[in-house]
PDB file of N, CA and C in Angstrom:
ATOM      1  N   UNK A   1      57.330 -10.367  44.048  1.00  0.00           N
ATOM      2  CA  UNK A   1      56.588  -9.252  44.908  1.00  0.00           C
ATOM      3  C   UNK A   1      56.227  -8.170  44.522  1.00  0.00           C
ATOM      4  N   UNK A   2      55.103  -7.354  44.164  1.00  0.00           N
ATOM      5  CA  UNK A   2      54.573  -6.526  43.327  1.00  0.00           C
ATOM      6  C   UNK A   2      55.729  -5.317  43.819  1.00  0.00           C
ATOM      7  N   UNK A   3      55.229  -4.881  42.426  1.00  0.00           N
ATOM      8  CA  UNK A   3      56.030  -3.506  42.152  1.00  0.00           C
ATOM      9  C   UNK A   3      55.881  -2.445  43.064  1.00  0.00           C
ATOM     10  N   UNK A   4      54.780  -1.860  43.719  1.00  0.00           N
ATOM     11  CA  UNK A   4      54.014  -0.857  44.894  1.00  0.00           C
ATOM     12  C   UNK A   4      55.102  -1.146  45.976  1.00  0.00           C
ATOM     13  N   UNK A   5      54.626  -2.803  46.271  1.00  0.00           N
ATOM     14  CA  UNK A   5      55.359  -3.242  47.421  1.00  0.00           C
ATOM     15  C   UNK A   5      56.345  -3.117  47.707  1.00  0.00           C
ATOM     16  N   UNK A   6      57.108  -2.825  46.752  1.00  0.00           N
ATOM     17  CA  UNK A   6      58.866  -3.555  46.664  1.00  0.00           C
ATOM     18  C   UNK A   6      58.994  -1.841  47.079  1.00  0.00           C
ATOM     19  N   UNK A   7      58.493  -0.951  45.753  1.00  0.00           N
ATOM     20  CA  UNK A   7      58.602   0.782  45.765  1.00  0.00           C
ATOM     21  C   UNK A   7      58.499   0.808  47.732  1.00  0.00           C
ATOM     22  N   UNK A   8      57.419   1.016  48.312  1.00  0.00           N
ATOM     23  CA  UNK A   8      57.159   1.373  49.342  1.00  0.00           C
ATOM     24  C   UNK A   8      58.205   0.243  50.591  1.00  0.00           C
ATOM     25  N   UNK A   9      58.342  -0.800  50.688  1.00  0.00           N
ATOM     26  CA  UNK A   9      59.234  -1.304  51.444  1.00  0.00           C
ATOM     27  C   UNK A   9      60.421  -0.267  51.012  1.00  0.00           C
ATOM     28  N   UNK A  10      61.412  -0.014  49.816  1.00  0.00           N
ATOM     29  CA  UNK A  10      62.478   0.516  49.902  1.00  0.00           C
ATOM     30  C   UNK A  10      61.914   2.084  49.855  1.00  0.00           C
ATOM     31  N   UNK A  11      61.306   2.910  50.169  1.00  0.00           N
ATOM     32  CA  UNK A  11      60.959   4.507  50.740  1.00  0.00           C
ATOM     33  C   UNK A  11      61.244   3.887  51.893  1.00  0.00           C
ATOM     34  N   UNK A  12      60.735   2.947  52.340  1.00  0.00           N
ATOM     35  CA  UNK A  12      60.297   3.386  54.179  1.00  0.00           C
ATOM     36  C   UNK A  12      62.065   3.010  54.552  1.00  0.00           C
ATOM     37  N   UNK A  13      62.551   2.120  53.718  1.00  0.00           N
ATOM     38  CA  UNK A  13      63.687   2.130  54.196  1.00  0.00           C
ATOM     39  C   UNK A  13      65.178   3.017  54.410  1.00  0.00           C
ATOM     40  N   UNK A  14      64.476   3.842  53.034  1.00  0.00           N
ATOM     41  CA  UNK A  14      65.323   4.971  53.069  1.00  0.00           C
ATOM     42  C   UNK A  14      65.147   6.290  53.908  1.00  0.00           C
ATOM     43  N   UNK A  15      63.872   6.302  54.173  1.00  0.00           N
ATOM     44  CA  UNK A  15      63.204   7.464  54.784  1.00  0.00           C
ATOM     45  C   UNK A  15      63.187   7.131  56.883  1.00  0.00           C
ATOM     46  N   UNK A  16      63.180   6.147  56.428  1.00  0.00           N
ATOM     47  CA  UNK A  16      63.771   5.624  58.749  1.00  0.00           C
ATOM     48  C   UNK A  16      65.551   5.163  58.554  1.00  0.00           C
ATOM     49  N   UNK A  17      65.998   6.035  57.699  1.00  0.00           N
ATOM     50  CA  UNK A  17      67.129   5.201  57.804  1.00  0.00           C
ATOM     51  C   UNK A  17      67.867   6.835  58.302  1.00  0.00           C
ATOM     52  N   UNK A  18      68.885   6.567  58.766  1.00  0.00           N
ATOM     53  CA  UNK A  18      70.059   7.746  59.618  1.00  0.00           C
ATOM     54  C   UNK A  18      71.136   8.214  58.694  1.00  0.00           C
ATOM     55  N   UNK A  19      71.425   7.586  57.768  1.00  0.00           N
ATOM     56  CA  UNK A  19      72.733   8.099  56.890  1.00  0.00           C
ATOM     57  C   UNK A  19      71.417   9.056  56.595  1.00  0.00           C
ATOM     58  N   UNK A  20      70.087   8.608  55.691  1.00  0.00           N
ATOM     59  CA  UNK A  20      69.799   9.451  54.989  1.00  0.00           C
ATOM     60  C   UNK A  20      69.363  10.745  55.838  1.00  0.00           C
ATOM     61  N   UNK A  21      68.935  10.847  56.484  1.00  0.00           N
ATOM     62  CA  UNK A  21      68.427  11.605  57.505  1.00  0.00           C
ATOM     63  C   UNK A  21      70.081  12.632  57.773  1.00  0.00           C
ATOM     64  N   UNK A  22      70.848  12.105  57.675  1.00  0.00           N
ATOM     65  CA  UNK A  22      72.255  13.185  57.803  1.00  0.00           C
ATOM     66  C   UNK A  22      72.631  14.089  56.451  1.00  0.00           C
ATOM     67  N   UNK A  23      72.278  13.351  55.601  1.00  0.00           N
ATOM     68  CA  UNK A  23      72.894  13.770  54.461  1.00  0.00           C
ATOM     69  C   UNK A  23      72.152  14.387  53.644  1.00  0.00           C
ATOM     70  N   UNK A  24      70.238  14.626  54.143  1.00  0.00           N
ATOM     71  CA  UNK A  24      69.310  15.286  53.102  1.00  0.00           C
ATOM     72  C   UNK A  24      69.066  16.651  54.487  1.00  0.00           C
ATOM     73  N   UNK A  25      68.831  16.361  55.604  1.00  0.00           N
ATOM     74  CA  UNK A  25      69.109  17.374  56.960  1.00  0.00           C
ATOM     75  C   UNK A  25      70.505  18.451  56.664  1.00  0.00           C
ATOM     76  N   UNK A  26      69.534  19.871  56.435  1.00  0.00           N
ATOM     77  CA  UNK A  26      70.824  20.926  56.824  1.00  0.00           C
ATOM     78  C   UNK A  26      71.276  21.372  58.190  1.00  0.00           C
ATOM     79  N   UNK A  27      72.270  21.405  58.346  1.00  0.00           N
ATOM     80  CA  UNK A  27      72.477  21.195  60.161  1.00  0.00           C
ATOM     81  C   UNK A  27      72.180  19.571  61.122  1.00  0.00           C
ATOM     82  N   UNK A  28      72.274  19.116  60.550  1.00  0.00           N
ATOM     83  CA  UNK A  28      71.607  17.171  60.930  1.00  0.00           C
ATOM     84  C   UNK A  28      72.667  17.560  62.235  1.00  0.00           C
ATOM     85  N   UNK A  29      73.528  18.346  62.746  1.00  0.00           N
ATOM     86  CA  UNK A  29      73.405  17.986  64.534  1.00  0.00           C
ATOM     87  C   UNK A  29      72.753  18.974  65.283  1.00  0.00           C
ATOM     88  N   UNK A  30      71.613  19.517  64.500  1.00  0.00           N
ATOM     89  CA  UNK A  30      70.442  21.138  65.408  1.00  0.00           C
ATOM     90  C   UNK A  30      69.278  20.618  65.360  1.00  0.00           C
ATOM     91  N   UNK A  31      68.973  19.828  63.893  1.00  0.00           N
ATOM     92  CA  UNK A  31      67.650  20.021  63.341  1.00  0.00           C
ATOM     93  C   UNK A  31      67.441  18.554  63.638  1.00  0.00           C
ATOM     94  N   UNK A  32      66.227  18.138  63.715  1.00  0.00           N
ATOM     95  CA  UNK A  32      65.531  16.889  63.763  1.00  0.00           C
ATOM     96  C   UNK A  32      66.228  15.601  64.705  1.00  0.00           C
ATOM     97  N   UNK A  33      66.872  16.254  65.701  1.00  0.00           N
ATOM     98  CA  UNK A  33      67.785  14.893  66.385  1.00  0.00           C
ATOM     99  C   UNK A  33      66.234  14.417  67.887  1.00  0.00           C
ATOM    100  N   UNK A  34      65.967  15.150  68.504  1.00  0.00           N
ATOM    101  CA  UNK A  34      64.963  14.846  69.117  1.00  0.00           C
ATOM    102  C   UNK A  34      63.298  14.587  68.993  1.00  0.00           C
ATOM    103  N   UNK A  35      62.762  13.974  69.618  1.00  0.00           N
ATOM    104  CA  UNK A  35      61.465  13.457  69.141  1.00  0.00           C
ATOM    105  C   UNK A  35      60.752  14.690  69.612  1.00  0.00           C
ATOM    106  N   UNK A  36      60.170  14.965  68.666  1.00  0.00           N
ATOM    107  CA  UNK A  36      59.141  15.944  67.695  1.00  0.00           C
ATOM    108  C   UNK A  36      57.132  15.621  67.551  1.00  0.00           C
ATOM    109  N   UNK A  37      57.158  17.015  67.384  1.00  0.00           N
ATOM    110  CA  UNK A  37      55.500  16.752  67.028  1.00  0.00           C
ATOM    111  C   UNK A  37      55.742  16.608  65.446  1.00  0.00           C
ATOM    112  N   UNK A  38      56.497  16.945  64.681  1.00  0.00           N
ATOM    113  CA  UNK A  38      57.194  16.569  63.470  1.00  0.00           C
ATOM    114  C   UNK A  38      58.507  16.287  62.780  1.00  0.00           C
ATOM    115  N   UNK A  39      58.342  14.505  62.541  1.00  0.00           N
ATOM    116  CA  UNK A  39      59.105  13.867  62.272  1.00  0.00           C
ATOM    117  C   UNK A  39      60.086  14.558  61.305  1.00  0.00           C
ATOM    118  N   UNK A  40      61.078  13.426  61.197  1.00  0.00           N
ATOM    119  CA  UNK A  40      61.741  13.791  59.777  1.00  0.00           C
ATOM    120  C   UNK A  40      60.815  13.139  58.844  1.00  0.00           C
ATOM    121  N   UNK A  41      60.542  11.802  59.310  1.00  0.00           N
ATOM    122  CA  UNK A  41      59.465  10.767  58.134  1.00  0.00           C
ATOM    123  C   UNK A  41      58.645  11.591  57.964  1.00  0.00           C
ATOM    124  N   UNK A  42      57.727  11.927  58.890  1.00  0.00           N
ATOM    125  CA  UNK A  42      56.265  12.982  58.811  1.00  0.00           C
ATOM    126  C   UNK A  42      56.312  14.008  58.097  1.00  0.00           C
ATOM    127  N   UNK A  43      57.479  14.877  57.817  1.00  0.00           N
ATOM    128  CA  UNK A  43      57.703  16.042  57.156  1.00  0.00           C
ATOM    129  C   UNK A  43      57.796  15.726  55.844  1.00  0.00           C
ATOM    130  N   UNK A  44      58.675  14.513  55.113  1.00  0.00           N
ATOM    131  CA  UNK A  44      58.857  13.866  53.966  1.00  0.00           C
ATOM    132  C   UNK A  44      57.299  13.623  53.433  1.00  0.00           C
ATOM    133  N   UNK A  45      56.577  12.430  54.316  1.00  0.00           N
ATOM    134  CA  UNK A  45      55.432  12.031  54.018  1.00  0.00           C
ATOM    135  C   UNK A  45      54.784  12.518  53.287  1.00  0.00           C
ATOM    136  N   UNK A  46      54.683  13.934  53.955  1.00  0.00           N
ATOM    137  CA  UNK A  46      53.664  15.126  53.953  1.00  0.00           C
ATOM    138  C   UNK A  46      53.765  15.595  52.872  1.00  0.00           C
ATOM    139  N   UNK A  47      54.838  16.017  52.295  1.00  0.00           N
ATOM    140  CA  UNK A  47      55.147  16.844  50.885  1.00  0.00           C
ATOM    141  C   UNK A  47      55.008  15.940  49.793  1.00  0.00           C
ATOM    142  N   UNK A  48      55.319  14.592  50.106  1.00  0.00           N
ATOM    143  CA  UNK A  48      55.334  14.229  48.653  1.00  0.00           C
ATOM    144  C   UNK A  48      53.662  13.326  49.103  1.00  0.00           C
ATOM    145  N   UNK A  49      52.895  13.710  49.980  1.00  0.00           N
ATOM    146  CA  UNK A  49      51.582  13.350  49.855  1.00  0.00           C
ATOM    147  C   UNK A  49      50.925  14.332  48.438  1.00  0.00           C
ATOM    148  N   UNK A  50      51.415  15.463  47.859  1.00  0.00           N
ATOM    149  CA  UNK A  50      51.576  16.035  47.024  1.00  0.00           C
ATOM    150  C   UNK A  50      49.722  17.019  46.751  1.00  0.00           C
ATOM    151  N   UNK A  51      50.064  17.219  48.064  1.00  0.00           N
ATOM    152  CA  UNK A  51      48.539  18.241  48.772  1.00  0.00           C
ATOM    153  C   UNK A  51      48.604  19.215  47.810  1.00  0.00           C
ATOM    154  N   UNK A  52      46.931  19.633  47.463  1.00  0.00           N
ATOM    155  CA  UNK A  52      46.990  21.156  46.361  1.00  0.00           C
ATOM    156  C   UNK A  52      46.201  21.975  47.313  1.00  0.00           C
ATOM    157  N   UNK A  53      46.469  22.793  47.434  1.00  0.00           N
ATOM    158  CA  UNK A  53      45.364  23.974  47.938  1.00  0.00           C
ATOM    159  C   UNK A  53      46.323  24.727  49.575  1.00  0.00           C
ATOM    160  N   UNK A  54      45.625  24.722  50.595  1.00  0.00           N
ATOM    161  CA  UNK A  54      46.284  25.319  51.344  1.00  0.00           C
ATOM    162  C   UNK A  54      47.058  24.344  52.209  1.00  0.00           C
ATOM    163  N   UNK A  55      48.536  25.316  53.260  1.00  0.00           N
ATOM    164  CA  UNK A  55      48.638  24.384  53.996  1.00  0.00           C
ATOM    165  C   UNK A  55      48.183  23.694  55.006  1.00  0.00           C
ATOM    166  N   UNK A  56      47.293  24.830  54.923  1.00  0.00           N
ATOM    167  CA  UNK A  56      46.167  24.142  56.677  1.00  0.00           C
ATOM    168  C   UNK A  56      45.344  23.159  55.772  1.00  0.00           C
ATOM    169  N   UNK A  57      44.959  23.228  54.712  1.00  0.00           N
ATOM    170  CA  UNK A  57      44.249  22.244  54.599  1.00  0.00           C
ATOM    171  C   UNK A  57      44.554  20.912  54.313  1.00  0.00           C
ATOM    172  N   UNK A  58      45.900  21.020  53.829  1.00  0.00           N
ATOM    173  CA  UNK A  58      46.856  19.569  53.396  1.00  0.00           C
ATOM    174  C   UNK A  58      47.853  19.303  55.200  1.00  0.00           C
ATOM    175  N   UNK A  59      47.760  19.915  55.850  1.00  0.00           N
ATOM    176  CA  UNK A  59      47.519  19.632  57.247  1.00  0.00           C
ATOM    177  C   UNK A  59      46.493  19.176  58.043  1.00  0.00           C
ATOM    178  N   UNK A  60      45.495  19.366  58.151  1.00  0.00           N
ATOM    179  CA  UNK A  60      44.147  18.979  58.500  1.00  0.00           C
ATOM    180  C   UNK A  60      44.456  17.431  58.008  1.00  0.00           C
ATOM    181  N   UNK A  61      44.441  17.777  56.360  1.00  0.00           N
ATOM    182  CA  UNK A  61      44.085  16.183  55.499  1.00  0.00           C
ATOM    183  C   UNK A  61      45.083  14.852  56.233  1.00  0.00           C
ATOM    184  N   UNK A  62      46.364  15.425  56.446  1.00  0.00           N
ATOM    185  CA  UNK A  62      47.381  14.293  56.359  1.00  0.00           C
ATOM    186  C   UNK A  62      47.243  14.337  58.002  1.00  0.00           C
ATOM    187  N   UNK A  63      46.661  14.749  58.719  1.00  0.00           N
ATOM    188  CA  UNK A  63      46.247  14.321  60.497  1.00  0.00           C
ATOM    189  C   UNK A  63      45.555  13.372  60.452  1.00  0.00           C
ATOM    190  N   UNK A  64      44.605  13.942  59.724  1.00  0.00           N
ATOM    191  CA  UNK A  64      43.456  12.341  59.198  1.00  0.00           C
ATOM    192  C   UNK A  64      43.605  11.523  59.391  1.00  0.00           C
ATOM    193  N   UNK A  65      44.776  11.466  57.823  1.00  0.00           N
ATOM    194  CA  UNK A  65      44.935  10.131  57.128  1.00  0.00           C
ATOM    195  C   UNK A  65      45.627   9.442  58.505  1.00  0.00           C
ATOM    196  N   UNK A  66      46.782   9.902  58.860  1.00  0.00           N
ATOM    197  CA  UNK A  66      47.631   9.322  59.897  1.00  0.00           C
ATOM    198  C   UNK A  66      47.106   8.626  61.408  1.00  0.00           C
ATOM    199  N   UNK A  67      45.704   9.755  61.483  1.00  0.00           N
ATOM    200  CA  UNK A  67      44.882   9.482  62.646  1.00  0.00           C
ATOM    201  C   UNK A  67      46.355  10.026  63.895  1.00  0.00           C
ATOM    202  N   UNK A  68      46.129  11.422  63.827  1.00  0.00           N
ATOM    203  CA  UNK A  68      47.151  11.521  64.933  1.00  0.00           C
ATOM    204  C   UNK A  68      46.472  12.811  65.594  1.00  0.00           C
ATOM    205  N   UNK A  69      47.055  12.825  66.674  1.00  0.00           N
ATOM    206  CA  UNK A  69      46.089  13.628  67.305  1.00  0.00           C
ATOM    207  C   UNK A  69      46.695  15.063  67.750  1.00  0.00           C
ATOM    208  N   UNK A  70      48.088  14.925  66.866  1.00  0.00           N
ATOM    209  CA  UNK A  70      48.798  16.414  67.179  1.00  0.00           C
ATOM    210  C   UNK A  70      48.379  16.666  66.564  1.00  0.00           C
ATOM    211  N   UNK A  71      48.399  18.703  66.700  1.00  0.00           N
ATOM    212  CA  UNK A  71      47.984  19.918  66.011  1.00  0.00           C
ATOM    213  C   UNK A  71      49.314  20.643  65.340  1.00  0.00           C
ATOM    214  N   UNK A  72      49.217  20.766  64.191  1.00  0.00           N
ATOM    215  CA  UNK A  72      50.475  21.357  63.399  1.00  0.00           C
ATOM    216  C   UNK A  72      49.708  22.889  62.626  1.00  0.00           C
ATOM    217  N   UNK A  73      50.916  23.974  63.053  1.00  0.00           N
ATOM    218  CA  UNK A  73      50.819  25.249  62.448  1.00  0.00           C
ATOM    219  C   UNK A  73      51.609  25.098  61.528  1.00  0.00           C
ATOM    220  N   UNK A  74      50.736  25.778  60.477  1.00  0.00           N
ATOM    221  CA  UNK A  74      51.323  25.928  58.960  1.00  0.00           C
ATOM    222  C   UNK A  74      52.695  26.742  59.339  1.00  0.00           C
ATOM    223  N   UNK A  75      53.292  27.595  60.959  1.00  0.00           N
ATOM    224  CA  UNK A  75      54.669  28.085  60.138  1.00  0.00           C
ATOM    225  C   UNK A  75      55.827  27.069  61.107  1.00  0.00           C
ATOM    226  N   UNK A  76      55.205  26.164  61.535  1.00  0.00           N
ATOM    227  CA  UNK A  76      56.028  24.680  61.980  1.00  0.00           C
ATOM    228  C   UNK A  76      56.449  23.618  60.814  1.00  0.00           C
ATOM    229  N   UNK A  77      55.391  23.864  60.064  1.00  0.00           N
ATOM    230  CA  UNK A  77      55.562  22.962  58.771  1.00  0.00           C
ATOM    231  C   UNK A  77      56.209  23.580  58.053  1.00  0.00           C
ATOM    232  N   UNK A  78      56.452  25.024  57.969  1.00  0.00           N
ATOM    233  CA  UNK A  78      57.410  25.993  56.862  1.00  0.00           C
ATOM    234  C   UNK A  78      58.851  25.922  57.556  1.00  0.00           C
ATOM    235  N   UNK A  79      58.549  26.051  58.747  1.00  0.00           N
ATOM    236  CA  UNK A  79      60.501  25.721  59.173  1.00  0.00           C
ATOM    237  C   UNK A  79      60.707  24.697  59.018  1.00  0.00           C
ATOM    238  N   UNK A  80      60.081  23.599  59.116  1.00  0.00           N
ATOM    239  CA  UNK A  80      60.793  22.218  59.225  1.00  0.00           C
ATOM    240  C   UNK A  80      61.082  21.802  57.726  1.00  0.00           C
ATOM    241  N   UNK A  81      60.273  22.527  56.901  1.00  0.00           N
ATOM    242  CA  UNK A  81      60.439  22.110  55.630  1.00  0.00           C
ATOM    243  C   UNK A  81      61.672  22.660  55.013  1.00  0.00           C
ATOM    244  N   UNK A  82      62.047  23.981  55.303  1.00  0.00           N
ATOM    245  CA  UNK A  82      63.206  24.462  55.555  1.00  0.00           C
ATOM    246  C   UNK A  82      64.262  23.496  55.581  1.00  0.00           C
ATOM    247  N   UNK A  83      64.739  22.906  56.705  1.00  0.00           N
ATOM    248  CA  UNK A  83      65.336  22.823  56.896  1.00  0.00           C
ATOM    249  C   UNK A  83      65.874  21.519  56.588  1.00  0.00           C
ATOM    250  N   UNK A  84      65.010  20.482  55.640  1.00  0.00           N
ATOM    251  CA  UNK A  84      65.823  19.573  54.938  1.00  0.00           C
ATOM    252  C   UNK A  84      65.789  20.003  53.149  1.00  0.00           C
ATOM    253  N   UNK A  85      67.093  19.681  52.589  1.00  0.00           N
ATOM    254  CA  UNK A  85      66.905  19.949  51.271  1.00  0.00           C
ATOM    255  C   UNK A  85      66.593  18.611  50.562  1.00  0.00           C
ATOM    256  N   UNK A  86      66.709  19.002  48.896  1.00  0.00           N
ATOM    257  CA  UNK A  86      65.644  17.935  47.610  1.00  0.00           C
ATOM    258  C   UNK A  86      66.562  16.438  47.502  1.00  0.00           C
ATOM    259  N   UNK A  87      68.051  16.566  48.345  1.00  0.00           N
ATOM    260  CA  UNK A  87      68.388  15.203  47.802  1.00  0.00           C
ATOM    261  C   UNK A  87      67.834  14.335  48.218  1.00  0.00           C
ATOM    262  N   UNK A  88      66.238  14.532  49.329  1.00  0.00           N
ATOM    263  CA  UNK A  88      65.681  12.918  49.716  1.00  0.00           C
ATOM    264  C   UNK A  88      65.098  12.541  48.746  1.00  0.00           C
ATOM    265  N   UNK A  89      64.087  13.676  48.127  1.00  0.00           N
ATOM    266  CA  UNK A  89      63.405  13.603  46.701  1.00  0.00           C
ATOM    267  C   UNK A  89      64.058  13.083  45.674  1.00  0.00           C
ATOM    268  N   UNK A  90      65.398  13.591  45.464  1.00  0.00           N
ATOM    269  CA  UNK A  90      65.401  12.940  44.047  1.00  0.00           C
ATOM    270  C   UNK A  90      65.982  11.725  44.010  1.00  0.00           C
ATOM    271  N   UNK A  91      66.194  11.340  45.739  1.00  0.00           N
ATOM    272  CA  UNK A  91      67.154   9.562  45.771  1.00  0.00           C
ATOM    273  C   UNK A  91      65.323   8.713  45.949  1.00  0.00           C
ATOM    274  N   UNK A  92      64.533   9.183  46.540  1.00  0.00           N
ATOM    275  CA  UNK A  92      63.161   8.700  46.345  1.00  0.00           C
ATOM    276  C   UNK A  92      62.761   8.540  44.938  1.00  0.00           C
ATOM    277  N   UNK A  93      62.979   9.429  44.196  1.00  0.00           N
ATOM    278  CA  UNK A  93      62.606   9.045  43.054  1.00  0.00           C
ATOM    279  C   UNK A  93      62.933   8.635  42.398  1.00  0.00           C
ATOM    280  N   UNK A  94      64.522   8.123  41.980  1.00  0.00           N
ATOM    281  CA  UNK A  94      65.719   7.887  41.495  1.00  0.00           C
ATOM    282  C   UNK A  94      65.479   6.217  41.508  1.00  0.00           C
ATOM    283  N   UNK A  95      64.915   5.756  42.958  1.00  0.00           N
ATOM    284  CA  UNK A  95      64.619   4.705  43.485  1.00  0.00           C
ATOM    285  C   UNK A  95      63.516   4.084  43.412  1.00  0.00           C
ATOM    286  N   UNK A  96      62.380   5.080  42.441  1.00  0.00           N
ATOM    287  CA  UNK A  96      60.943   3.961  42.421  1.00  0.00           C
ATOM    288  C   UNK A  96      61.367   4.022  40.695  1.00  0.00           C
ATOM    289  N   UNK A  97      61.729   4.962  40.067  1.00  0.00           N
ATOM    290  CA  UNK A  97      62.191   5.022  38.437  1.00  0.00           C
ATOM    291  C   UNK A  97      62.987   3.975  38.184  1.00  0.00           C
ATOM    292  N   UNK A  98      64.160   3.275  38.833  1.00  0.00           N
ATOM    293  CA  UNK A  98      64.270   2.116  38.850  1.00  0.00           C
ATOM    294  C   UNK A  98      63.746   1.024  38.736  1.00  0.00           C
ATOM    295  N   UNK A  99      62.862   1.054  40.236  1.00  0.00           N
ATOM    296  CA  UNK A  99      62.319  -0.515  40.096  1.00  0.00           C
ATOM    297  C   UNK A  99      60.999  -0.783  38.980  1.00  0.00           C
ATOM    298  N   UNK A 100      60.754   0.798  38.557  1.00  0.00           N
ATOM    299  CA  UNK A 100      59.778   0.810  37.433  1.00  0.00           C
ATOM    300  C   UNK A 100      60.191  -0.127  35.893  1.00  0.00           C
ATOM    301  N   UNK A 101      61.777   1.058  35.551  1.00  0.00           N
ATOM    302  CA  UNK A 101      62.355   0.218  34.431  1.00  0.00           C
ATOM    303  C   UNK A 101      62.932  -1.012  34.738  1.00  0.00           C
ATOM    304  N   UNK A 102      63.220  -1.485  36.279  1.00  0.00           N
ATOM    305  CA  UNK A 102      63.923  -3.376  35.892  1.00  0.00           C
ATOM    306  C   UNK A 102      62.010  -3.739  36.018  1.00  0.00           C
ATOM    307  N   UNK A 103      61.064  -3.685  36.377  1.00  0.00           N
ATOM    308  CA  UNK A 103      59.741  -4.577  36.089  1.00  0.00           C
ATOM    309  C   UNK A 103      59.035  -4.055  34.503  1.00  0.00           C
ATOM    310  N   UNK A 104      59.394  -3.161  33.915  1.00  0.00           N
ATOM    311  CA  UNK A 104      59.209  -3.131  32.281  1.00  0.00           C
ATOM    312  C   UNK A 104      60.510  -3.937  31.621  1.00  0.00           C
ATOM    313  N   UNK A 105      61.582  -3.910  32.036  1.00  0.00           N
ATOM    314  CA  UNK A 105      62.588  -4.819  31.180  1.00  0.00           C
ATOM    315  C   UNK A 105      61.888  -6.434  31.515  1.00  0.00           C
ATOM    316  N   UNK A 106      61.750  -6.903  32.810  1.00  0.00           N
ATOM    317  CA  UNK A 106      60.643  -7.844  32.588  1.00  0.00           C
ATOM    318  C   UNK A 106      59.896  -8.449  32.325  1.00  0.00           C
ATOM    319  N   UNK A 107      59.093  -7.607  32.051  1.00  0.00           N
ATOM    320  CA  UNK A 107      57.748  -8.248  31.404  1.00  0.00           C
ATOM    321  C   UNK A 107      57.947  -7.927  29.787  1.00  0.00           C
ATOM    322  N   UNK A 108      58.812  -7.836  28.904  1.00  0.00           N
ATOM    323  CA  UNK A 108      59.578  -6.937  27.622  1.00  0.00           C
ATOM    324  C   UNK A 108      60.057  -8.125  27.414  1.00  0.00           C
TER     325      UNK A 108
END
């Protein structure tokens, strides 16, 4: 399996895991429990897309990428972002780093 495919599959597994959400959402019992315009997975993917510029332009670009009909405002994004902690990003980084390290060991 290609390294990028493996990283993508594992990232998807992590992001869709209810256990990950429980560990990384502040006050899990109250946030990201119902179906909303900006889901937990979409929020993390948006943050990971490494946008530059304004939040408004990033939301517009992300909407085009996801082919979504939902209109998201800057305030909703900022409020949702405040409800997650950074451990999900650390976990995703460590996973991709370990995949890269393992693939390097295989090729050397």
